[in-house]
Amino acid sequence: MRQSEMTTFLLRLPQALKRQLEEKAQADKRSVNSTVVDIISQALAVHPTGTSLEQRNFIGQKVTAKQIDAVNGLVHLQGIYYRYLIEGNQEYTPTEDYIVIEAVGNILTLRPLMKLGGD
C-alpha cells in the first residue's frame, strides 16, 4: 500500500494479547504495525497488490553500522540511500547492527539486533 492510502485508528486490546503481538513482531523481525497489517490482510484474505520494492526486499535484512550515515540520517542499502528511524526513537549506536522491520516510502525503520554471548 502506498502511504497516501494509509490511515490510523485507535485499537484497544487486552495487555496479554498486546504482548503476544509484540513477541510475534520481534520473532518475525518486523514492526508491530507491519505485523498487524499482515495479520488483518490474511484474516480478510486481502492480498497486497502494491507492496513496494523496499517491503519485498528489505524487511528482515541486517544493516551493519558502516551502512548508516548518522550525520545525515541515511542508511545505504543495495546502492540506494534511505532515510531511517530507529524503533522507539532510540539513539543510533555505532557499535550495534540493526535489522529492517518496516519500509514506508523512502523511510526504513530499524531495530537494534541483540548480541548473543559475549562478543
PDB file of N, CA and C in Angstrom:
ATOM      1  N   MET A   1       0.834  -1.186   0.000  1.00  0.00           N
ATOM      2  CA  MET A   1       0.000   0.000   0.000  1.00  0.00           C
ATOM      3  C   MET A   1       0.872   1.240   0.000  1.00  0.00           C
ATOM      4  N   ARG A   2       0.432   2.227  -0.731  1.00  0.00           N
ATOM      5  CA  ARG A   2       1.158   3.492  -0.723  1.00  0.00           C
ATOM      6  C   ARG A   2       0.799   4.237   0.550  1.00  0.00           C
ATOM      7  N   GLN A   3       1.721   5.102   0.985  1.00  0.00           N
ATOM      8  CA  GLN A   3       1.490   5.837   2.222  1.00  0.00           C
ATOM      9  C   GLN A   3       0.243   6.705   2.124  1.00  0.00           C
ATOM     10  N   SER A   4      -0.071   7.229   0.941  1.00  0.00           N
ATOM     11  CA  SER A   4      -1.257   8.075   0.790  1.00  0.00           C
ATOM     12  C   SER A   4      -2.546   7.288   1.018  1.00  0.00           C
ATOM     13  N   GLU A   5      -2.486   5.968   0.920  1.00  0.00           N
ATOM     14  CA  GLU A   5      -3.659   5.127   1.135  1.00  0.00           C
ATOM     15  C   GLU A   5      -3.794   4.674   2.581  1.00  0.00           C
ATOM     16  N   MET A   6      -2.843   5.025   3.425  1.00  0.00           N
ATOM     17  CA  MET A   6      -2.832   4.571   4.812  1.00  0.00           C
ATOM     18  C   MET A   6      -3.706   5.480   5.675  1.00  0.00           C
ATOM     19  N   THR A   7      -4.207   4.920   6.767  1.00  0.00           N
ATOM     20  CA  THR A   7      -4.966   5.680   7.748  1.00  0.00           C
ATOM     21  C   THR A   7      -4.601   5.162   9.134  1.00  0.00           C
ATOM     22  N   THR A   8      -5.006   5.868  10.150  1.00  0.00           N
ATOM     23  CA  THR A   8      -4.728   5.437  11.516  1.00  0.00           C
ATOM     24  C   THR A   8      -6.032   5.354  12.296  1.00  0.00           C
ATOM     25  N   PHE A   9      -6.034   4.516  13.330  1.00  0.00           N
ATOM     26  CA  PHE A   9      -7.168   4.454  14.242  1.00  0.00           C
ATOM     27  C   PHE A   9      -6.695   3.868  15.559  1.00  0.00           C
ATOM     28  N   LEU A  10      -7.438   4.144  16.606  1.00  0.00           N
ATOM     29  CA  LEU A  10      -7.113   3.656  17.938  1.00  0.00           C
ATOM     30  C   LEU A  10      -7.634   2.234  18.090  1.00  0.00           C
ATOM     31  N   LEU A  11      -6.798   1.368  18.640  1.00  0.00           N
ATOM     32  CA  LEU A  11      -7.180  -0.027  18.848  1.00  0.00           C
ATOM     33  C   LEU A  11      -6.944  -0.384  20.306  1.00  0.00           C
ATOM     34  N   ARG A  12      -7.996  -0.831  20.987  1.00  0.00           N
ATOM     35  CA  ARG A  12      -7.857  -1.293  22.372  1.00  0.00           C
ATOM     36  C   ARG A  12      -7.871  -2.806  22.364  1.00  0.00           C
ATOM     37  N   LEU A  13      -6.928  -3.410  23.099  1.00  0.00           N
ATOM     38  CA  LEU A  13      -6.887  -4.853  23.211  1.00  0.00           C
ATOM     39  C   LEU A  13      -6.285  -5.240  24.549  1.00  0.00           C
ATOM     40  N   PRO A  14      -6.547  -6.449  25.019  1.00  0.00           N
ATOM     41  CA  PRO A  14      -6.012  -6.887  26.308  1.00  0.00           C
ATOM     42  C   PRO A  14      -4.478  -6.860  26.308  1.00  0.00           C
ATOM     43  N   GLN A  15      -3.904  -6.573  27.480  1.00  0.00           N
ATOM     44  CA  GLN A  15      -2.449  -6.484  27.595  1.00  0.00           C
ATOM     45  C   GLN A  15      -1.771  -7.778  27.168  1.00  0.00           C
ATOM     46  N   ALA A  16      -2.345  -8.915  27.538  1.00  0.00           N
ATOM     47  CA  ALA A  16      -1.744 -10.203  27.179  1.00  0.00           C
ATOM     48  C   ALA A  16      -1.684 -10.367  25.657  1.00  0.00           C
ATOM     49  N   LEU A  17      -2.732  -9.946  24.964  1.00  0.00           N
ATOM     50  CA  LEU A  17      -2.754 -10.032  23.508  1.00  0.00           C
ATOM     51  C   LEU A  17      -1.725  -9.078  22.902  1.00  0.00           C
ATOM     52  N   LYS A  18      -1.604  -7.903  23.488  1.00  0.00           N
ATOM     53  CA  LYS A  18      -0.598  -6.937  23.017  1.00  0.00           C
ATOM     54  C   LYS A  18       0.806  -7.517  23.161  1.00  0.00           C
ATOM     55  N   ARG A  19       1.073  -8.167  24.294  1.00  0.00           N
ATOM     56  CA  ARG A  19       2.394  -8.784  24.498  1.00  0.00           C
ATOM     57  C   ARG A  19       2.651  -9.869  23.453  1.00  0.00           C
ATOM     58  N   GLN A  20       1.633 -10.678  23.173  1.00  0.00           N
ATOM     59  CA  GLN A  20       1.783 -11.728  22.160  1.00  0.00           C
ATOM     60  C   GLN A  20       2.078 -11.121  20.785  1.00  0.00           C
ATOM     61  N   LEU A  21       1.397 -10.043  20.480  1.00  0.00           N
ATOM     62  CA  LEU A  21       1.606  -9.359  19.211  1.00  0.00           C
ATOM     63  C   LEU A  21       3.033  -8.816  19.123  1.00  0.00           C
ATOM     64  N   GLU A  22       3.512  -8.208  20.201  1.00  0.00           N
ATOM     65  CA  GLU A  22       4.881  -7.686  20.235  1.00  0.00           C
ATOM     66  C   GLU A  22       5.901  -8.813  20.095  1.00  0.00           C
ATOM     67  N   GLU A  23       5.637  -9.942  20.742  1.00  0.00           N
ATOM     68  CA  GLU A  23       6.547 -11.091  20.652  1.00  0.00           C
ATOM     69  C   GLU A  23       6.584 -11.646  19.231  1.00  0.00           C
ATOM     70  N   LYS A  24       5.424 -11.716  18.590  1.00  0.00           N
ATOM     71  CA  LYS A  24       5.376 -12.199  17.205  1.00  0.00           C
ATOM     72  C   LYS A  24       6.133 -11.252  16.290  1.00  0.00           C
ATOM     73  N   ALA A  25       5.935  -9.961  16.464  1.00  0.00           N
ATOM     74  CA  ALA A  25       6.644  -8.979  15.639  1.00  0.00           C
ATOM     75  C   ALA A  25       8.151  -9.112  15.832  1.00  0.00           C
ATOM     76  N   GLN A  26       8.574  -9.247  17.077  1.00  0.00           N
ATOM     77  CA  GLN A  26      10.000  -9.404  17.385  1.00  0.00           C
ATOM     78  C   GLN A  26      10.546 -10.676  16.725  1.00  0.00           C
ATOM     79  N   ALA A  27       9.818 -11.775  16.843  1.00  0.00           N
ATOM     80  CA  ALA A  27      10.258 -13.050  16.260  1.00  0.00           C
ATOM     81  C   ALA A  27      10.337 -12.978  14.736  1.00  0.00           C
ATOM     82  N   ASP A  28       9.407 -12.241  14.126  1.00  0.00           N
ATOM     83  CA  ASP A  28       9.377 -12.098  12.667  1.00  0.00           C
ATOM     84  C   ASP A  28      10.291 -10.986  12.169  1.00  0.00           C
ATOM     85  N   LYS A  29      10.934 -10.273  13.118  1.00  0.00           N
ATOM     86  CA  LYS A  29      11.835  -9.159  12.787  1.00  0.00           C
ATOM     87  C   LYS A  29      11.100  -8.090  11.988  1.00  0.00           C
ATOM     88  N   ARG A  30       9.917  -7.730  12.491  1.00  0.00           N
ATOM     89  CA  ARG A  30       9.074  -6.718  11.855  1.00  0.00           C
ATOM     90  C   ARG A  30       8.587  -5.756  12.925  1.00  0.00           C
ATOM     91  N   SER A  31       8.002  -4.669  12.494  1.00  0.00           N
ATOM     92  CA  SER A  31       7.381  -3.755  13.440  1.00  0.00           C
ATOM     93  C   SER A  31       6.018  -4.309  13.832  1.00  0.00           C
ATOM     94  N   VAL A  32       5.493  -3.842  14.956  1.00  0.00           N
ATOM     95  CA  VAL A  32       4.157  -4.262  15.385  1.00  0.00           C
ATOM     96  C   VAL A  32       3.137  -3.834  14.332  1.00  0.00           C
ATOM     97  N   ASN A  33       3.274  -2.617  13.815  1.00  0.00           N
ATOM     98  CA  ASN A  33       2.346  -2.118  12.806  1.00  0.00           C
ATOM     99  C   ASN A  33       2.335  -3.022  11.574  1.00  0.00           C
ATOM    100  N   SER A  34       3.502  -3.354  11.069  1.00  0.00           N
ATOM    101  CA  SER A  34       3.600  -4.215   9.893  1.00  0.00           C
ATOM    102  C   SER A  34       2.993  -5.591  10.171  1.00  0.00           C
ATOM    103  N   THR A  35       3.210  -6.109  11.367  1.00  0.00           N
ATOM    104  CA  THR A  35       2.653  -7.405  11.756  1.00  0.00           C
ATOM    105  C   THR A  35       1.130  -7.352  11.798  1.00  0.00           C
ATOM    106  N   VAL A  36       0.569  -6.300  12.382  1.00  0.00           N
ATOM    107  CA  VAL A  36      -0.888  -6.144  12.453  1.00  0.00           C
ATOM    108  C   VAL A  36      -1.482  -6.075  11.045  1.00  0.00           C
ATOM    109  N   VAL A  37      -0.863  -5.308  10.159  1.00  0.00           N
ATOM    110  CA  VAL A  37      -1.360  -5.196   8.783  1.00  0.00           C
ATOM    111  C   VAL A  37      -1.357  -6.564   8.108  1.00  0.00           C
ATOM    112  N   ASP A  38      -0.279  -7.330   8.282  1.00  0.00           N
ATOM    113  CA  ASP A  38      -0.213  -8.667   7.687  1.00  0.00           C
ATOM    114  C   ASP A  38      -1.295  -9.589   8.245  1.00  0.00           C
ATOM    115  N   ILE A  39      -1.475  -9.582   9.565  1.00  0.00           N
ATOM    116  CA  ILE A  39      -2.479 -10.451  10.197  1.00  0.00           C
ATOM    117  C   ILE A  39      -3.883 -10.100   9.705  1.00  0.00           C
ATOM    118  N   ILE A  40      -4.191  -8.822   9.665  1.00  0.00           N
ATOM    119  CA  ILE A  40      -5.519  -8.392   9.205  1.00  0.00           C
ATOM    120  C   ILE A  40      -5.709  -8.738   7.731  1.00  0.00           C
ATOM    121  N   SER A  41      -4.680  -8.497   6.918  1.00  0.00           N
ATOM    122  CA  SER A  41      -4.770  -8.821   5.488  1.00  0.00           C
ATOM    123  C   SER A  41      -5.023 -10.306   5.276  1.00  0.00           C
ATOM    124  N   GLN A  42      -4.316 -11.151   6.037  1.00  0.00           N
ATOM    125  CA  GLN A  42      -4.511 -12.600   5.914  1.00  0.00           C
ATOM    126  C   GLN A  42      -5.905 -13.008   6.386  1.00  0.00           C
ATOM    127  N   ALA A  43      -6.348 -12.434   7.493  1.00  0.00           N
ATOM    128  CA  ALA A  43      -7.664 -12.784   8.034  1.00  0.00           C
ATOM    129  C   ALA A  43      -8.788 -12.387   7.080  1.00  0.00           C
ATOM    130  N   LEU A  44      -8.605 -11.292   6.377  1.00  0.00           N
ATOM    131  CA  LEU A  44      -9.625 -10.815   5.447  1.00  0.00           C
ATOM    132  C   LEU A  44      -9.371 -11.294   4.022  1.00  0.00           C
ATOM    133  N   ALA A  45      -8.348 -12.123   3.856  1.00  0.00           N
ATOM    134  CA  ALA A  45      -7.957 -12.640   2.536  1.00  0.00           C
ATOM    135  C   ALA A  45      -7.669 -11.513   1.560  1.00  0.00           C
ATOM    136  N   VAL A  46      -7.048 -10.465   2.058  1.00  0.00           N
ATOM    137  CA  VAL A  46      -6.653  -9.338   1.219  1.00  0.00           C
ATOM    138  C   VAL A  46      -5.205  -9.561   0.816  1.00  0.00           C
ATOM    139  N   HIS A  47      -4.967  -9.571  -0.462  1.00  0.00           N
ATOM    140  CA  HIS A  47      -3.606  -9.754  -0.946  1.00  0.00           C
ATOM    141  C   HIS A  47      -3.056  -8.397  -1.357  1.00  0.00           C
ATOM    142  N   PRO A  48      -2.010  -7.926  -0.668  1.00  0.00           N
ATOM    143  CA  PRO A  48      -1.479  -6.611  -1.002  1.00  0.00           C
ATOM    144  C   PRO A  48      -0.976  -6.580  -2.439  1.00  0.00           C
ATOM    145  N   THR A  49      -1.506  -5.661  -3.208  1.00  0.00           N
ATOM    146  CA  THR A  49      -1.108  -5.559  -4.609  1.00  0.00           C
ATOM    147  C   THR A  49      -0.018  -4.529  -4.808  1.00  0.00           C
ATOM    148  N   GLY A  50       0.105  -3.620  -3.891  1.00  0.00           N
ATOM    149  CA  GLY A  50       1.050  -2.534  -4.077  1.00  0.00           C
ATOM    150  C   GLY A  50       2.242  -2.592  -3.154  1.00  0.00           C
ATOM    151  N   THR A  51       2.746  -3.801  -2.853  1.00  0.00           N
ATOM    152  CA  THR A  51       3.918  -3.851  -1.990  1.00  0.00           C
ATOM    153  C   THR A  51       5.097  -3.254  -2.730  1.00  0.00           C
ATOM    154  N   SER A  52       5.872  -2.503  -2.008  1.00  0.00           N
ATOM    155  CA  SER A  52       6.989  -1.795  -2.623  1.00  0.00           C
ATOM    156  C   SER A  52       8.224  -2.676  -2.705  1.00  0.00           C
ATOM    157  N   LEU A  53       9.164  -2.241  -3.504  1.00  0.00           N
ATOM    158  CA  LEU A  53      10.465  -2.905  -3.602  1.00  0.00           C
ATOM    159  C   LEU A  53      11.087  -3.018  -2.222  1.00  0.00           C
ATOM    160  N   GLU A  54      11.000  -1.939  -1.457  1.00  0.00           N
ATOM    161  CA  GLU A  54      11.585  -1.927  -0.121  1.00  0.00           C
ATOM    162  C   GLU A  54      10.923  -2.969   0.776  1.00  0.00           C
ATOM    163  N   GLN A  55       9.602  -3.062   0.741  1.00  0.00           N
ATOM    164  CA  GLN A  55       8.902  -4.047   1.570  1.00  0.00           C
ATOM    165  C   GLN A  55       9.278  -5.468   1.165  1.00  0.00           C
ATOM    166  N   ARG A  56       9.377  -5.714  -0.113  1.00  0.00           N
ATOM    167  CA  ARG A  56       9.693  -7.064  -0.593  1.00  0.00           C
ATOM    168  C   ARG A  56      11.137  -7.454  -0.316  1.00  0.00           C
ATOM    169  N   ASN A  57      12.062  -6.512  -0.442  1.00  0.00           N
ATOM    170  CA  ASN A  57      13.481  -6.855  -0.388  1.00  0.00           C
ATOM    171  C   ASN A  57      14.206  -6.517   0.902  1.00  0.00           C
ATOM    172  N   PHE A  58      13.697  -5.592   1.692  1.00  0.00           N
ATOM    173  CA  PHE A  58      14.478  -5.114   2.828  1.00  0.00           C
ATOM    174  C   PHE A  58      13.985  -5.583   4.189  1.00  0.00           C
ATOM    175  N   ILE A  59      12.699  -5.938   4.323  1.00  0.00           N
ATOM    176  CA  ILE A  59      12.186  -6.373   5.622  1.00  0.00           C
ATOM    177  C   ILE A  59      12.971  -7.601   6.077  1.00  0.00           C
ATOM    178  N   GLY A  60      13.517  -7.520   7.285  1.00  0.00           N
ATOM    179  CA  GLY A  60      14.301  -8.619   7.835  1.00  0.00           C
ATOM    180  C   GLY A  60      15.774  -8.581   7.478  1.00  0.00           C
ATOM    181  N   GLN A  61      16.184  -7.614   6.653  1.00  0.00           N
ATOM    182  CA  GLN A  61      17.588  -7.534   6.243  1.00  0.00           C
ATOM    183  C   GLN A  61      18.439  -6.896   7.337  1.00  0.00           C
ATOM    184  N   LYS A  62      19.616  -7.462   7.566  1.00  0.00           N
ATOM    185  CA  LYS A  62      20.563  -6.929   8.548  1.00  0.00           C
ATOM    186  C   LYS A  62      21.261  -5.702   7.970  1.00  0.00           C
ATOM    187  N   VAL A  63      21.445  -4.687   8.817  1.00  0.00           N
ATOM    188  CA  VAL A  63      22.141  -3.460   8.448  1.00  0.00           C
ATOM    189  C   VAL A  63      23.309  -3.295   9.407  1.00  0.00           C
ATOM    190  N   THR A  64      24.513  -3.201   8.865  1.00  0.00           N
ATOM    191  CA  THR A  64      25.683  -3.004   9.718  1.00  0.00           C
ATOM    192  C   THR A  64      25.878  -1.519   9.983  1.00  0.00           C
ATOM    193  N   ALA A  65      26.616  -1.220  11.016  1.00  0.00           N
ATOM    194  CA  ALA A  65      26.856   0.171  11.396  1.00  0.00           C
ATOM    195  C   ALA A  65      27.515   0.955  10.270  1.00  0.00           C
ATOM    196  N   LYS A  66      28.358   0.305   9.470  1.00  0.00           N
ATOM    197  CA  LYS A  66      29.048   1.033   8.398  1.00  0.00           C
ATOM    198  C   LYS A  66      28.106   1.427   7.259  1.00  0.00           C
ATOM    199  N   GLN A  67      26.900   0.874   7.218  1.00  0.00           N
ATOM    200  CA  GLN A  67      25.917   1.250   6.200  1.00  0.00           C
ATOM    201  C   GLN A  67      25.108   2.478   6.620  1.00  0.00           C
ATOM    202  N   ILE A  68      25.295   2.927   7.851  1.00  0.00           N
ATOM    203  CA  ILE A  68      24.494   4.025   8.385  1.00  0.00           C
ATOM    204  C   ILE A  68      25.311   5.309   8.414  1.00  0.00           C
ATOM    205  N   ASP A  69      24.736   6.366   7.847  1.00  0.00           N
ATOM    206  CA  ASP A  69      25.314   7.706   7.898  1.00  0.00           C
ATOM    207  C   ASP A  69      24.487   8.488   8.920  1.00  0.00           C
ATOM    208  N   ALA A  70      24.926   8.437  10.176  1.00  0.00           N
ATOM    209  CA  ALA A  70      24.157   9.048  11.264  1.00  0.00           C
ATOM    210  C   ALA A  70      24.121  10.567  11.154  1.00  0.00           C
ATOM    211  N   VAL A  71      25.151  11.165  10.587  1.00  0.00           N
ATOM    212  CA  VAL A  71      25.205  12.626  10.462  1.00  0.00           C
ATOM    213  C   VAL A  71      24.068  13.129   9.581  1.00  0.00           C
ATOM    214  N   ASN A  72      23.824  12.429   8.469  1.00  0.00           N
ATOM    215  CA  ASN A  72      22.784  12.848   7.531  1.00  0.00           C
ATOM    216  C   ASN A  72      21.471  12.078   7.691  1.00  0.00           C
ATOM    217  N   GLY A  73      21.432  11.125   8.622  1.00  0.00           N
ATOM    218  CA  GLY A  73      20.212  10.359   8.858  1.00  0.00           C
ATOM    219  C   GLY A  73      19.852   9.426   7.720  1.00  0.00           C
ATOM    220  N   LEU A  74      20.879   8.802   7.113  1.00  0.00           N
ATOM    221  CA  LEU A  74      20.657   7.932   5.965  1.00  0.00           C
ATOM    222  C   LEU A  74      21.225   6.542   6.204  1.00  0.00           C
ATOM    223  N   VAL A  75      20.628   5.570   5.532  1.00  0.00           N
ATOM    224  CA  VAL A  75      21.142   4.204   5.540  1.00  0.00           C
ATOM    225  C   VAL A  75      21.302   3.782   4.078  1.00  0.00           C
ATOM    226  N   HIS A  76      22.385   3.088   3.772  1.00  0.00           N
ATOM    227  CA  HIS A  76      22.712   2.680   2.407  1.00  0.00           C
ATOM    228  C   HIS A  76      22.409   1.196   2.230  1.00  0.00           C
ATOM    229  N   LEU A  77      21.420   0.895   1.389  1.00  0.00           N
ATOM    230  CA  LEU A  77      21.034  -0.493   1.117  1.00  0.00           C
ATOM    231  C   LEU A  77      20.935  -0.713  -0.382  1.00  0.00           C
ATOM    232  N   GLN A  78      21.614  -1.726  -0.859  1.00  0.00           N
ATOM    233  CA  GLN A  78      21.574  -2.115  -2.266  1.00  0.00           C
ATOM    234  C   GLN A  78      21.763  -0.928  -3.206  1.00  0.00           C
ATOM    235  N   GLY A  79      22.734  -0.087  -2.880  1.00  0.00           N
ATOM    236  CA  GLY A  79      23.095   1.021  -3.756  1.00  0.00           C
ATOM    237  C   GLY A  79      22.218   2.253  -3.650  1.00  0.00           C
ATOM    238  N   ILE A  80      21.263   2.270  -2.737  1.00  0.00           N
ATOM    239  CA  ILE A  80      20.347   3.405  -2.598  1.00  0.00           C
ATOM    240  C   ILE A  80      20.376   3.898  -1.158  1.00  0.00           C
ATOM    241  N   TYR A  81      20.321   5.217  -0.996  1.00  0.00           N
ATOM    242  CA  TYR A  81      20.254   5.804   0.345  1.00  0.00           C
ATOM    243  C   TYR A  81      18.800   6.032   0.733  1.00  0.00           C
ATOM    244  N   TYR A  82      18.456   5.629   1.955  1.00  0.00           N
ATOM    245  CA  TYR A  82      17.111   5.812   2.503  1.00  0.00           C
ATOM    246  C   TYR A  82      17.208   6.557   3.825  1.00  0.00           C
ATOM    247  N   ARG A  83      16.162   7.294   4.142  1.00  0.00           N
ATOM    248  CA  ARG A  83      16.067   7.862   5.479  1.00  0.00           C
ATOM    249  C   ARG A  83      15.743   6.721   6.426  1.00  0.00           C
ATOM    250  N   TYR A  84      16.091   6.884   7.690  1.00  0.00           N
ATOM    251  CA  TYR A  84      15.797   5.813   8.639  1.00  0.00           C
ATOM    252  C   TYR A  84      15.324   6.365   9.970  1.00  0.00           C
ATOM    253  N   LEU A  85      14.579   5.521  10.670  1.00  0.00           N
ATOM    254  CA  LEU A  85      14.175   5.749  12.052  1.00  0.00           C
ATOM    255  C   LEU A  85      14.604   4.518  12.822  1.00  0.00           C
ATOM    256  N   ILE A  86      14.905   4.688  14.091  1.00  0.00           N
ATOM    257  CA  ILE A  86      15.204   3.534  14.929  1.00  0.00           C
ATOM    258  C   ILE A  86      14.012   3.322  15.850  1.00  0.00           C
ATOM    259  N   GLU A  87      13.551   2.089  15.911  1.00  0.00           N
ATOM    260  CA  GLU A  87      12.370   1.732  16.689  1.00  0.00           C
ATOM    261  C   GLU A  87      12.420   2.347  18.082  1.00  0.00           C
ATOM    262  N   GLY A  88      11.301   2.911  18.505  1.00  0.00           N
ATOM    263  CA  GLY A  88      11.200   3.504  19.835  1.00  0.00           C
ATOM    264  C   GLY A  88      11.982   4.800  19.975  1.00  0.00           C
ATOM    265  N   ASN A  89      12.328   5.431  18.846  1.00  0.00           N
ATOM    266  CA  ASN A  89      13.109   6.676  18.846  1.00  0.00           C
ATOM    267  C   ASN A  89      14.414   6.551  19.615  1.00  0.00           C
ATOM    268  N   GLN A  90      15.009   5.363  19.576  1.00  0.00           N
ATOM    269  CA  GLN A  90      16.294   5.158  20.234  1.00  0.00           C
ATOM    270  C   GLN A  90      17.383   5.923  19.486  1.00  0.00           C
ATOM    271  N   GLU A  91      18.438   6.218  20.196  1.00  0.00           N
ATOM    272  CA  GLU A  91      19.596   6.862  19.584  1.00  0.00           C
ATOM    273  C   GLU A  91      20.388   5.828  18.790  1.00  0.00           C
ATOM    274  N   TYR A  92      21.049   6.280  17.733  1.00  0.00           N
ATOM    275  CA  TYR A  92      21.927   5.419  16.946  1.00  0.00           C
ATOM    276  C   TYR A  92      23.143   5.054  17.783  1.00  0.00           C
ATOM    277  N   THR A  93      23.498   3.783  17.769  1.00  0.00           N
ATOM    278  CA  THR A  93      24.679   3.290  18.476  1.00  0.00           C
ATOM    279  C   THR A  93      25.619   2.686  17.437  1.00  0.00           C
ATOM    280  N   PRO A  94      26.798   3.291  17.219  1.00  0.00           N
ATOM    281  CA  PRO A  94      27.685   2.835  16.144  1.00  0.00           C
ATOM    282  C   PRO A  94      28.273   1.441  16.347  1.00  0.00           C
ATOM    283  N   THR A  95      28.163   0.888  17.536  1.00  0.00           N
ATOM    284  CA  THR A  95      28.706  -0.452  17.779  1.00  0.00           C
ATOM    285  C   THR A  95      27.664  -1.545  17.572  1.00  0.00           C
ATOM    286  N   GLU A  96      26.437  -1.171  17.229  1.00  0.00           N
ATOM    287  CA  GLU A  96      25.365  -2.156  17.061  1.00  0.00           C
ATOM    288  C   GLU A  96      25.031  -2.355  15.594  1.00  0.00           C
ATOM    289  N   ASP A  97      24.552  -3.549  15.286  1.00  0.00           N
ATOM    290  CA  ASP A  97      23.953  -3.814  13.987  1.00  0.00           C
ATOM    291  C   ASP A  97      22.443  -3.708  14.158  1.00  0.00           C
ATOM    292  N   TYR A  98      21.748  -3.549  13.044  1.00  0.00           N
ATOM    293  CA  TYR A  98      20.306  -3.338  13.071  1.00  0.00           C
ATOM    294  C   TYR A  98      19.642  -4.275  12.069  1.00  0.00           C
ATOM    295  N   ILE A  99      18.324  -4.352  12.154  1.00  0.00           N
ATOM    296  CA  ILE A  99      17.543  -5.119  11.195  1.00  0.00           C
ATOM    297  C   ILE A  99      16.385  -4.239  10.733  1.00  0.00           C
ATOM    298  N   VAL A 100      16.043  -4.310   9.452  1.00  0.00           N
ATOM    299  CA  VAL A 100      14.936  -3.526   8.902  1.00  0.00           C
ATOM    300  C   VAL A 100      13.633  -4.217   9.291  1.00  0.00           C
ATOM    301  N   ILE A 101      12.754  -3.478   9.974  1.00  0.00           N
ATOM    302  CA  ILE A 101      11.484  -4.064  10.405  1.00  0.00           C
ATOM    303  C   ILE A 101      10.275  -3.463   9.698  1.00  0.00           C
ATOM    304  N   GLU A 102      10.483  -2.336   8.995  1.00  0.00           N
ATOM    305  CA  GLU A 102       9.362  -1.724   8.284  1.00  0.00           C
ATOM    306  C   GLU A 102       9.914  -0.808   7.203  1.00  0.00           C
ATOM    307  N   ALA A 103       9.184  -0.715   6.097  1.00  0.00           N
ATOM    308  CA  ALA A 103       9.563   0.166   4.997  1.00  0.00           C
ATOM    309  C   ALA A 103       8.315   0.884   4.514  1.00  0.00           C
ATOM    310  N   VAL A 104       8.319   2.203   4.657  1.00  0.00           N
ATOM    311  CA  VAL A 104       7.199   3.020   4.191  1.00  0.00           C
ATOM    312  C   VAL A 104       7.792   4.150   3.364  1.00  0.00           C
ATOM    313  N   GLY A 105       7.502   4.127   2.073  1.00  0.00           N
ATOM    314  CA  GLY A 105       8.088   5.132   1.196  1.00  0.00           C
ATOM    315  C   GLY A 105       9.602   5.012   1.208  1.00  0.00           C
ATOM    316  N   ASN A 106      10.273   6.149   1.426  1.00  0.00           N
ATOM    317  CA  ASN A 106      11.738   6.123   1.457  1.00  0.00           C
ATOM    318  C   ASN A 106      12.274   6.114   2.887  1.00  0.00           C
ATOM    319  N   ILE A 107      11.451   5.677   3.838  1.00  0.00           N
ATOM    320  CA  ILE A 107      11.872   5.628   5.243  1.00  0.00           C
ATOM    321  C   ILE A 107      11.863   4.177   5.719  1.00  0.00           C
ATOM    322  N   LEU A 108      13.013   3.741   6.239  1.00  0.00           N
ATOM    323  CA  LEU A 108      13.132   2.398   6.794  1.00  0.00           C
ATOM    324  C   LEU A 108      13.174   2.496   8.307  1.00  0.00           C
ATOM    325  N   THR A 109      12.458   1.617   8.984  1.00  0.00           N
ATOM    326  CA  THR A 109      12.514   1.553  10.443  1.00  0.00           C
ATOM    327  C   THR A 109      13.448   0.417  10.818  1.00  0.00           C
ATOM    328  N   LEU A 110      14.414   0.735  11.692  1.00  0.00           N
ATOM    329  CA  LEU A 110      15.431  -0.223  12.107  1.00  0.00           C
ATOM    330  C   LEU A 110      15.243  -0.600  13.564  1.00  0.00           C
ATOM    331  N   ARG A 111      15.608  -1.836  13.888  1.00  0.00           N
ATOM    332  CA  ARG A 111      15.594  -2.316  15.274  1.00  0.00           C
ATOM    333  C   ARG A 111      17.005  -2.809  15.591  1.00  0.00           C
ATOM    334  N   PRO A 112      17.555  -2.409  16.742  1.00  0.00           N
ATOM    335  CA  PRO A 112      18.875  -2.930  17.120  1.00  0.00           C
ATOM    336  C   PRO A 112      18.824  -4.449  17.260  1.00  0.00           C
ATOM    337  N   LEU A 113      19.862  -5.108  16.778  1.00  0.00           N
ATOM    338  CA  LEU A 113      19.968  -6.558  16.933  1.00  0.00           C
ATOM    339  C   LEU A 113      20.560  -6.863  18.289  1.00  0.00           C
ATOM    340  N   MET A 114      19.999  -7.842  18.958  1.00  0.00           N
ATOM    341  CA  MET A 114      20.530  -8.272  20.248  1.00  0.00           C
ATOM    342  C   MET A 114      21.796  -9.071  20.007  1.00  0.00           C
ATOM    343  N   LYS A 115      22.828  -8.768  20.766  1.00  0.00           N
ATOM    344  CA  LYS A 115      24.073  -9.521  20.662  1.00  0.00           C
ATOM    345  C   LYS A 115      23.955 -10.770  21.520  1.00  0.00           C
ATOM    346  N   LEU A 116      24.342 -11.908  20.968  1.00  0.00           N
ATOM    347  CA  LEU A 116      24.303 -13.166  21.691  1.00  0.00           C
ATOM    348  C   LEU A 116      25.685 -13.474  22.231  1.00  0.00           C
ATOM    349  N   GLY A 117      25.746 -13.974  23.436  1.00  0.00           N
ATOM    350  CA  GLY A 117      27.038 -14.325  24.028  1.00  0.00           C
ATOM    351  C   GLY A 117      27.836 -13.094  24.386  1.00  0.00           C
ATOM    352  N   GLY A 118      29.109 -13.232  24.519  1.00  0.00           N
ATOM    353  CA  GLY A 118      29.967 -12.116  24.900  1.00  0.00           C
ATOM    354  C   GLY A 118      30.901 -11.730  23.790  1.00  0.00           C
ATOM    355  N   ASP A 119      30.375 -11.131  22.726  1.00  0.00           N
ATOM    356  CA  ASP A 119      31.176 -10.736  21.561  1.00  0.00           C
ATOM    357  C   ASP A 119      32.414  -9.989  21.944  1.00  0.00           C
TER     358      ASP A 119
END
